[in-house]
Protein backbone atom coordinates (compact mmCIF):
# COMPACT_ATOMS: atom_id res chain seq x y z
CA UNK A 1 3.25 20.39 -9.95
CA UNK A 2 6.72 19.40 -11.37
CA UNK A 3 8.84 16.69 -10.08
CA UNK A 4 12.65 16.86 -10.45
CA UNK A 5 14.43 13.50 -10.30
CA UNK A 6 18.01 13.42 -9.21
CA UNK A 7 20.22 10.32 -9.17
CA UNK A 8 23.17 9.92 -6.82
CA UNK A 9 25.01 6.63 -7.09
CA UNK A 10 22.25 4.02 -6.20
CA UNK A 11 19.84 6.60 -4.81
CA UNK A 12 16.99 8.31 -6.44
CA UNK A 13 15.64 11.67 -5.10
CA UNK A 14 12.27 13.11 -6.10
CA UNK A 15 12.03 16.93 -5.38
CA UNK A 16 8.63 18.48 -5.62
CA UNK A 17 8.50 22.18 -4.52
CA UNK A 18 5.11 23.53 -3.64
CA UNK A 19 4.60 27.31 -3.66
CA UNK A 20 3.35 29.24 -0.67
CA UNK A 21 3.75 26.52 2.03
CA UNK A 22 5.97 26.52 5.09
CA UNK A 23 6.18 22.73 5.56
CA UNK A 24 8.40 19.95 4.29
CA UNK A 25 7.26 16.34 3.88
CA UNK A 26 9.88 13.69 3.52
CA UNK A 27 9.81 9.98 2.87
CA UNK A 28 12.96 7.73 2.97
CA UNK A 29 12.04 4.46 1.18
CA UNK A 30 14.35 1.45 1.22
CA UNK A 31 13.67 -1.06 -1.49
CA UNK A 32 13.26 -4.04 0.80
CA UNK A 33 10.09 -5.58 2.13
CA UNK A 34 8.48 -8.91 2.75
CA UNK A 35 9.06 -10.11 -0.77
CA UNK A 36 12.77 -9.90 -0.18
CA UNK A 37 12.78 -12.20 2.92
CA UNK A 38 13.42 -15.90 3.16
CA UNK A 39 10.57 -18.10 4.34
CA UNK A 40 12.16 -18.63 7.83
CA UNK A 41 12.65 -14.91 8.34
CA UNK A 42 9.26 -13.76 7.26
CA UNK A 43 8.34 -10.51 8.99
CA UNK A 44 12.00 -9.35 9.54
CA UNK A 45 11.65 -6.18 7.45
CA UNK A 46 8.51 -5.08 9.42
CA UNK A 47 10.29 -5.91 12.72
CA UNK A 48 13.29 -3.80 11.81
CA UNK A 49 10.96 -0.93 11.11
CA UNK A 50 9.52 -1.32 14.68
CA UNK A 51 12.93 -1.73 16.37
CA UNK A 52 14.47 1.33 14.66
CA UNK A 53 12.15 3.54 16.70
CA UNK A 54 13.54 2.09 19.94
CA UNK A 55 16.74 4.12 19.49
CA UNK A 56 19.46 5.01 17.06
CA UNK A 57 23.07 6.11 17.26
CA UNK A 58 22.31 9.80 17.79
CA UNK A 59 18.77 9.63 19.34
CA UNK A 60 17.39 7.68 22.27
CA UNK A 61 13.82 6.31 21.95
CA UNK A 62 12.22 9.40 23.46
CA UNK A 63 14.26 12.08 21.78
CA UNK A 64 13.84 10.46 18.41
CA UNK A 65 10.18 11.22 18.31
CA UNK A 66 10.18 14.27 20.62
CA UNK A 67 12.37 16.51 18.45
CA UNK A 68 9.91 16.05 15.57
CA UNK A 69 6.69 16.19 17.51
CA UNK A 70 7.60 19.14 19.74
CA UNK A 71 7.66 21.42 16.71
CA UNK A 72 4.25 20.18 15.64
CA UNK A 73 5.59 17.60 13.18
CA UNK A 74 4.72 13.93 12.55
CA UNK A 75 6.99 10.89 12.29
CA UNK A 76 6.00 7.35 11.26
CA UNK A 77 6.85 4.36 9.13
CA UNK A 78 5.32 1.38 7.31
CA UNK A 79 6.34 -1.72 5.45
CA UNK A 80 5.12 -3.14 2.17
CA UNK A 81 5.95 -6.20 0.06
CA UNK A 82 8.51 -4.10 -1.80
CA UNK A 83 9.61 -1.23 0.47
CA UNK A 84 10.18 -0.13 4.01
CA UNK A 85 9.29 3.61 4.40
CA UNK A 86 10.21 6.06 7.11
CA UNK A 87 8.50 9.50 6.73
CA UNK A 88 8.07 12.82 8.46
CA UNK A 89 6.34 16.16 8.05
CA UNK A 90 7.71 19.28 9.81
CA UNK A 91 7.66 23.09 9.65
CA UNK A 92 10.33 24.25 7.18
CA UNK A 93 12.36 25.70 10.09
CA UNK A 94 12.92 22.15 11.34
CA UNK A 95 13.96 20.51 8.07
CA UNK A 96 17.43 19.70 9.30
CA UNK A 97 16.03 17.85 12.37
CA UNK A 98 13.65 15.81 10.17
CA UNK A 99 16.52 14.81 7.84
CA UNK A 100 18.82 13.92 10.74
CA UNK A 101 16.09 11.75 12.33
CA UNK A 102 15.17 9.94 9.16
CA UNK A 103 18.79 9.34 8.26
CA UNK A 104 19.55 7.92 11.67
CA UNK A 105 16.43 5.68 11.54
CA UNK A 106 17.56 4.20 8.27
CA UNK A 107 21.32 3.98 8.71
CA UNK A 108 21.96 3.94 12.51
CA UNK A 109 19.34 1.92 14.38
CA UNK A 110 20.83 0.25 17.50
CA UNK A 111 18.86 -2.96 17.18
CA UNK A 112 19.52 -4.12 20.78
CA UNK A 113 18.34 -7.53 21.97
CA UNK A 114 16.07 -6.11 24.66
CA UNK A 115 14.36 -3.85 22.10
CA UNK A 116 13.97 -6.76 19.64
CA UNK A 117 12.33 -8.95 22.26
CA UNK A 118 9.93 -6.17 23.21
CA UNK A 119 8.93 -5.35 19.65
CA UNK A 120 8.57 -9.00 18.77
CA UNK A 121 5.83 -9.23 21.37
CA UNK A 122 4.14 -6.14 19.95
CA UNK A 123 4.39 -7.46 16.35
CA UNK A 124 2.96 -10.83 17.41
CA UNK A 125 -0.03 -9.05 19.01
CA UNK A 126 -0.40 -7.02 15.78
CA UNK A 127 -0.49 -10.35 13.76
CA UNK A 128 -3.07 -11.73 16.15
CA UNK A 129 -5.17 -8.55 15.82
CA UNK A 130 -5.07 -8.67 11.98
CA UNK A 131 -6.08 -12.29 12.00
CA UNK A 132 -8.97 -11.54 14.40
CA UNK A 133 -10.15 -8.64 12.20
CA UNK A 134 -12.22 -10.50 9.62
CA UNK A 135 -12.18 -7.68 7.06
CA UNK A 136 -8.36 -7.40 7.19
CA UNK A 137 -7.91 -11.13 7.27
CA UNK A 138 -10.07 -11.99 4.22
CA UNK A 139 -8.18 -9.31 2.19
CA UNK A 140 -4.84 -10.73 3.26
CA UNK A 141 -6.07 -14.26 2.46
CA UNK A 142 -7.05 -13.19 -1.04
CA UNK A 143 -3.59 -11.75 -1.77
CA UNK A 144 -1.64 -14.55 0.00
CA UNK A 145 -3.50 -17.30 -1.90
CA UNK A 146 -3.43 -15.78 -5.44
CA UNK A 147 0.07 -14.37 -5.34
CA UNK A 148 2.93 -16.82 -5.81
CA UNK A 149 6.11 -16.76 -3.69
CA UNK A 150 7.81 -14.55 -2.56
CA UNK A 151 4.92 -12.10 -2.71
CA UNK A 152 2.45 -14.43 -0.99
CA UNK A 153 4.02 -14.03 2.47
CA UNK A 154 2.18 -11.72 4.87
CA UNK A 155 3.98 -8.43 5.38
CA UNK A 156 4.06 -8.84 9.19
CA UNK A 157 5.27 -12.55 8.89
CA UNK A 158 3.92 -15.38 10.95
CA UNK A 159 4.01 -15.71 14.74
CA UNK A 160 6.41 -18.61 14.53
CA UNK A 161 8.94 -16.84 12.27
CA UNK A 162 8.78 -13.59 14.14
CA UNK A 163 9.21 -15.29 17.51
CA UNK A 164 12.51 -16.90 16.44
CA UNK A 165 14.17 -13.80 15.18
CA UNK A 166 17.06 -12.44 17.14
CA UNK A 167 18.96 -9.11 17.19
CA UNK A 168 21.85 -10.64 15.21
CA UNK A 169 19.42 -11.73 12.50
CA UNK A 170 18.06 -8.16 12.22
CA UNK A 171 21.54 -6.62 12.19
CA UNK A 172 22.72 -9.05 9.43
CA UNK A 173 19.56 -8.33 7.33
CA UNK A 174 19.89 -4.57 7.84
CA UNK A 175 23.60 -4.59 6.89
CA UNK A 176 22.87 -6.56 3.73
CA UNK A 177 19.64 -4.90 2.56
CA UNK A 178 19.70 -1.30 3.71
CA UNK A 179 21.62 1.13 1.54
CA UNK A 180 19.93 2.25 -1.62
CA UNK A 181 17.14 4.84 -1.05
CA UNK A 182 14.30 6.53 -2.79
CA UNK A 183 13.70 9.88 -1.23
CA UNK A 184 10.57 11.98 -1.80
CA UNK A 185 10.77 15.67 -0.62
CA UNK A 186 7.58 17.82 -1.09
CA UNK A 187 6.67 21.26 0.14
CA UNK A 188 9.16 24.04 0.73
CA UNK A 189 12.06 22.30 -1.08
CA UNK A 190 14.85 24.82 -1.08
CA UNK A 191 18.46 24.52 -2.25
CA UNK A 192 19.40 24.08 1.45
CA UNK A 193 17.06 21.13 1.67
CA UNK A 194 18.51 19.60 -1.43
CA UNK A 195 22.05 20.07 -0.27
CA UNK A 196 21.34 18.62 3.23
CA UNK A 197 19.81 15.50 1.72
CA UNK A 198 22.62 14.97 -0.79
CA UNK A 199 25.27 15.44 1.81
CA UNK A 200 23.63 12.96 4.13
CA UNK A 201 23.56 10.36 1.42
CA UNK A 202 27.21 10.98 0.68
CA UNK A 203 27.99 10.61 4.33
CA UNK A 204 25.90 7.50 5.10
CA UNK A 205 24.85 6.00 1.84
CA UNK A 206 26.22 2.72 0.57
CA UNK A 207 25.38 0.64 -2.52
CA UNK A 208 23.69 -2.75 -2.09
CA UNK A 209 22.48 -5.21 -4.63
CA UNK A 210 18.76 -4.78 -5.14
CA UNK A 211 16.63 -7.94 -5.57
CA UNK A 212 13.69 -7.42 -7.90
CA UNK A 213 11.38 -10.45 -7.32
CA UNK A 214 8.95 -11.29 -10.10
CA UNK A 215 5.29 -10.85 -9.47
CA UNK A 216 3.55 -14.15 -10.40
CA UNK A 217 0.04 -15.40 -9.86
CA UNK A 218 -1.34 -18.83 -9.00
CA UNK A 219 -4.32 -20.46 -10.71
CA UNK A 220 -7.61 -19.04 -9.47
CA UNK A 221 -9.54 -21.16 -6.95
CA UNK A 222 -11.69 -21.05 -3.84
CA UNK A 223 -10.12 -20.84 -0.38
CA UNK A 224 -12.12 -20.98 2.88
CA UNK A 225 -10.78 -20.14 6.30
CA UNK A 226 -13.36 -21.12 8.93
CA UNK A 227 -13.84 -19.28 12.26
CA UNK A 228 -15.77 -20.37 15.40
CA UNK A 229 -17.13 -16.90 16.29
CA UNK A 230 -18.54 -15.91 12.89
CA UNK A 231 -22.17 -15.78 11.72
CA UNK A 232 -21.49 -13.84 8.52
CA UNK A 233 -19.41 -14.56 5.39
CA UNK A 234 -16.56 -12.25 4.50
CA UNK A 235 -15.42 -12.72 0.95
CA UNK A 236 -13.06 -11.14 -1.52
CA UNK A 237 -13.38 -12.31 -5.08
CA UNK A 238 -11.45 -11.07 -8.15
CA UNK A 239 -8.66 -11.59 -10.56
CA UNK A 240 -5.19 -10.47 -11.73
CA UNK A 241 -5.18 -7.79 -14.49
CA UNK A 242 -2.27 -7.14 -16.82
CA UNK A 243 -2.51 -3.43 -16.18
CA UNK A 244 -0.27 -1.33 -13.93
CA UNK A 245 0.24 2.31 -13.24
CA UNK A 246 2.53 2.56 -16.24
CA UNK A 247 -0.23 1.42 -18.68
CA UNK A 248 -2.41 3.85 -20.49
CA UNK A 249 -5.41 1.66 -19.59
CA UNK A 250 -4.74 2.54 -15.98
CA UNK A 251 -6.85 5.68 -16.42
CA UNK A 252 -9.69 3.50 -17.70
CA UNK A 253 -9.30 1.17 -14.70
CA UNK A 254 -9.49 4.07 -12.27
CA UNK A 255 -12.79 5.17 -13.70
CA UNK A 256 -14.05 1.64 -13.64
CA UNK A 257 -13.00 1.23 -9.99
CA UNK A 258 -14.79 4.51 -9.09
CA UNK A 259 -17.97 3.41 -10.91
CA UNK A 260 -18.09 0.10 -9.07
CA UNK A 261 -17.05 0.99 -5.52
CA UNK A 262 -16.49 4.71 -4.64
CA UNK A 263 -19.22 6.26 -2.53
CA UNK A 264 -22.77 5.30 -1.69
CA UNK A 265 -23.85 6.23 -5.24
CA UNK A 266 -21.50 3.65 -6.80
CA UNK A 267 -22.91 0.67 -8.79
CA UNK A 268 -22.10 -2.06 -6.28
CA UNK A 269 -23.36 -0.16 -3.18
CA UNK A 270 -26.46 1.14 -4.92
CA UNK A 271 -27.57 -2.15 -6.44
CA UNK A 272 -26.29 -4.87 -4.07
CA UNK A 273 -26.49 -3.04 -0.77
CA UNK A 274 -29.22 -0.47 -1.06
CA UNK A 275 -31.65 -1.85 -3.66
CA UNK A 276 -31.43 -5.55 -2.70
CA UNK A 277 -30.07 -5.53 0.85
CA UNK A 278 -27.92 -8.55 0.15
CA UNK A 279 -24.83 -7.41 2.04
CA UNK A 280 -23.85 -5.28 5.01
CA UNK A 281 -20.80 -3.93 3.26
CA UNK A 282 -19.36 -4.05 -0.20
CA UNK A 283 -16.35 -2.32 -1.77
CA UNK A 284 -13.63 -2.61 -4.46
CA UNK A 285 -10.16 -3.62 -3.21
CA UNK A 286 -7.06 -3.62 -5.40
CA UNK A 287 -3.27 -3.93 -5.23
CA UNK A 288 -1.32 -2.20 -7.95
CA UNK A 289 2.26 -2.45 -9.17
CA UNK A 290 4.04 -0.91 -12.19
CA UNK A 291 2.74 -3.57 -14.66
CA UNK A 292 0.35 -5.75 -12.68
CA UNK A 293 -2.74 -5.43 -10.56
CA UNK A 294 -5.01 -7.48 -8.39
CA UNK A 295 -8.62 -6.49 -8.73
CA UNK A 296 -11.13 -7.64 -6.05
CA UNK A 297 -14.56 -7.04 -4.61
CA UNK A 298 -15.04 -7.35 -0.86
CA UNK A 299 -18.45 -8.09 0.63
CA UNK A 300 -19.90 -9.25 3.96
CA UNK A 301 -23.13 -11.27 3.81
CA UNK A 302 -25.18 -13.57 5.91
CA UNK A 303 -25.03 -17.30 5.11
CA UNK A 304 -28.69 -17.20 4.02
CA UNK A 305 -28.16 -14.28 1.68
CA UNK A 306 -24.88 -15.28 0.18
CA UNK A 307 -26.27 -17.44 -2.63
CA UNK A 308 -28.37 -14.45 -3.84
CA UNK A 309 -25.33 -12.24 -3.63
CA UNK A 310 -23.34 -14.61 -5.83
CA UNK A 311 -26.30 -14.72 -8.32
CA UNK A 312 -26.52 -10.97 -8.45
CA UNK A 313 -22.76 -10.65 -8.94
CA UNK A 314 -22.98 -13.10 -11.80
CA UNK A 315 -25.68 -10.91 -13.38
CA UNK A 316 -23.50 -7.78 -13.01
CA UNK A 317 -20.58 -9.50 -14.66
CA UNK A 318 -22.71 -10.20 -17.72
CA UNK A 319 -24.03 -6.58 -17.92
CA UNK A 320 -22.69 -3.40 -19.39
CA UNK A 321 -22.25 -0.37 -17.22
CA UNK A 322 -24.89 2.15 -18.19
CA UNK A 323 -24.41 5.87 -18.97
CA UNK A 324 -25.61 7.06 -15.60
CA UNK A 325 -23.08 5.05 -13.55
CA UNK A 326 -20.29 5.79 -16.06
CA UNK A 327 -20.84 9.51 -15.81
CA UNK A 328 -20.97 9.22 -12.02
CA UNK A 329 -17.65 7.41 -11.80
CA UNK A 330 -15.90 9.60 -14.24
CA UNK A 331 -17.06 12.87 -12.77
CA UNK A 332 -16.42 11.66 -9.22
CA UNK A 333 -12.83 10.62 -10.02
CA UNK A 334 -12.09 13.85 -11.82
CA UNK A 335 -13.36 15.79 -8.81
CA UNK A 336 -11.35 13.77 -6.36
CA UNK A 337 -8.21 14.29 -8.53
CA UNK A 338 -8.77 18.01 -8.62
CA UNK A 339 -9.25 18.05 -4.81
CA UNK A 340 -5.92 16.31 -4.35
CA UNK A 341 -4.17 19.43 -5.48
CA UNK A 342 -5.52 21.40 -2.50
CA UNK A 343 -3.64 19.33 0.06
CA UNK A 344 0.14 18.81 0.24
CA UNK A 345 -0.41 15.71 2.40
CA UNK A 346 -2.78 14.27 -0.27
CA UNK A 347 -0.35 14.96 -3.09
CA UNK A 348 2.48 13.50 -1.02
CA UNK A 349 0.54 10.23 -0.67
CA UNK A 350 -0.37 10.27 -4.35
CA UNK A 351 3.26 10.81 -5.46
CA UNK A 352 4.61 8.20 -3.00
CA UNK A 353 2.43 5.63 -4.81
CA UNK A 354 4.54 6.09 -7.90
CA UNK A 355 7.85 6.23 -6.05
CA UNK A 356 7.08 2.91 -4.34
CA UNK A 357 6.69 1.37 -7.79
CA UNK A 358 9.96 2.89 -9.04
CA UNK A 359 7.95 4.90 -11.61
CA UNK A 360 8.48 8.53 -12.38
CA UNK A 361 5.41 10.40 -10.80
CA UNK A 362 2.79 11.35 -13.31
CA UNK A 363 1.95 15.07 -13.12
CA UNK A 364 -1.61 15.38 -11.65
CA UNK A 365 -2.51 17.65 -14.52
CA UNK A 366 -1.71 14.93 -17.06
CA UNK A 367 -3.72 12.38 -15.01
CA UNK A 368 -6.74 14.71 -15.01
CA UNK A 369 -6.32 15.35 -18.75
CA UNK A 370 -6.06 11.60 -19.66
CA UNK A 371 -9.02 10.65 -17.23
CA UNK A 372 -11.18 13.27 -19.03
CA UNK A 373 -10.61 11.33 -22.33
CA UNK A 374 -11.88 8.01 -20.97
CA UNK A 375 -15.11 6.92 -22.65
CA UNK A 376 -17.87 4.44 -21.67
CA UNK A 377 -16.85 1.93 -24.38
CA UNK A 378 -13.32 1.64 -22.88
CA UNK A 379 -14.70 1.13 -19.38
CA UNK A 380 -17.17 -1.52 -20.63
CA UNK A 381 -14.55 -3.27 -22.68
CA UNK A 382 -12.22 -3.44 -19.59
CA UNK A 383 -15.15 -4.63 -17.45
CA UNK A 384 -15.92 -7.35 -19.96
CA UNK A 385 -12.28 -8.44 -20.05
CA UNK A 386 -12.10 -8.60 -16.20
CA UNK A 387 -15.33 -10.59 -16.07
CA UNK A 388 -14.37 -13.06 -18.77
CA UNK A 389 -11.81 -14.75 -16.49
CA UNK A 390 -12.29 -17.18 -13.66
CA UNK A 391 -12.19 -15.30 -10.39
CA UNK A 392 -10.24 -16.26 -7.25
CA UNK A 393 -12.49 -16.47 -4.11
CA UNK A 394 -11.22 -16.11 -0.55
CA UNK A 395 -13.58 -16.60 2.39
CA UNK A 396 -13.41 -16.03 6.16
CA UNK A 397 -16.64 -17.74 7.17
CA UNK A 398 -18.49 -19.67 9.88
CA UNK A 399 -17.54 -23.26 10.54
CA UNK A 400 -20.51 -24.68 8.66
CA UNK A 401 -19.61 -22.81 5.40
CA UNK A 402 -17.55 -24.92 2.97
CA UNK A 403 -18.01 -22.93 -0.23
CA UNK A 404 -20.62 -23.60 -2.88
């Protein structure tokens, strides 16, 4: 599947035609997220994403979604530390509607005070919900306490910062930050689609100065957040890795990640969960950028079993990965990569991962080819390298747990 990259002023467009489909998937990504916010405006990017859906210059709140959904399409958005993304999937016959809606969401949100106040309350409830979801909270705590500023801020911000934001703050931030776009178009990408997108950018686009914050990590340590209502320990422990999706070793990492935590036959699940019963849940969690990565292991264990869990993880960190688990991880990953090609939606998500790192998408055929070359020594060498560092530990735990 080929990707054509077109540059127009400060915009980058990724065109990926897919044969024999009658749908179009589109993502409009603005290179601004929580890492681009000041401390006192934490959460403003995410709030703008919410408020945009309350109405734009050419669509009221209902019509904005209705014109996409009535034809069977989908419309949504999300915010990361680096980007705010608005995306849609529609039948090809409605491509103009999708482009019009996404363009208006990005360039013409009304940002009225009433809508801002309403969505502030929604976002604050969202923040509370995340904080009360122990699995989400411990993963956020891990990232927030190992990443240095400005990446350490939570994407949704804090209750106190969101509650202080006003419509004029959002309008000013939008005016200063929204302009440059990364656009991904996949599916039935015709010349008409290309022309429509390019014409819209010429009509609405503007050039803004892009900030490119540095990704820095703090010294590894142990951080505990105690909760009254908990009887189990939720933990994420891991370390930064000097590998990103642009590195050749990324293929090795993907195999290692699959060996450790993908499926009930994976090493961690089989040994720690099924054979020893030390945890209720265990999985690999990671955050990846172009040249950096955070590797972590999430687990949920009782206070009584937690010391045995730590002991078992220490053993695993000193051991090599045997041939059986290596073969499992490599074959499983290759199979999952091959199955990606059967779904436009899956390929869209795969490709968007590259776009949101400002990296040219790697053809899936090349990824499969390079993954097939990975050997067990490479995986064990990387595992040894990861395990040779001090790991950062983040806990959401009962009040009587203070670490060990």
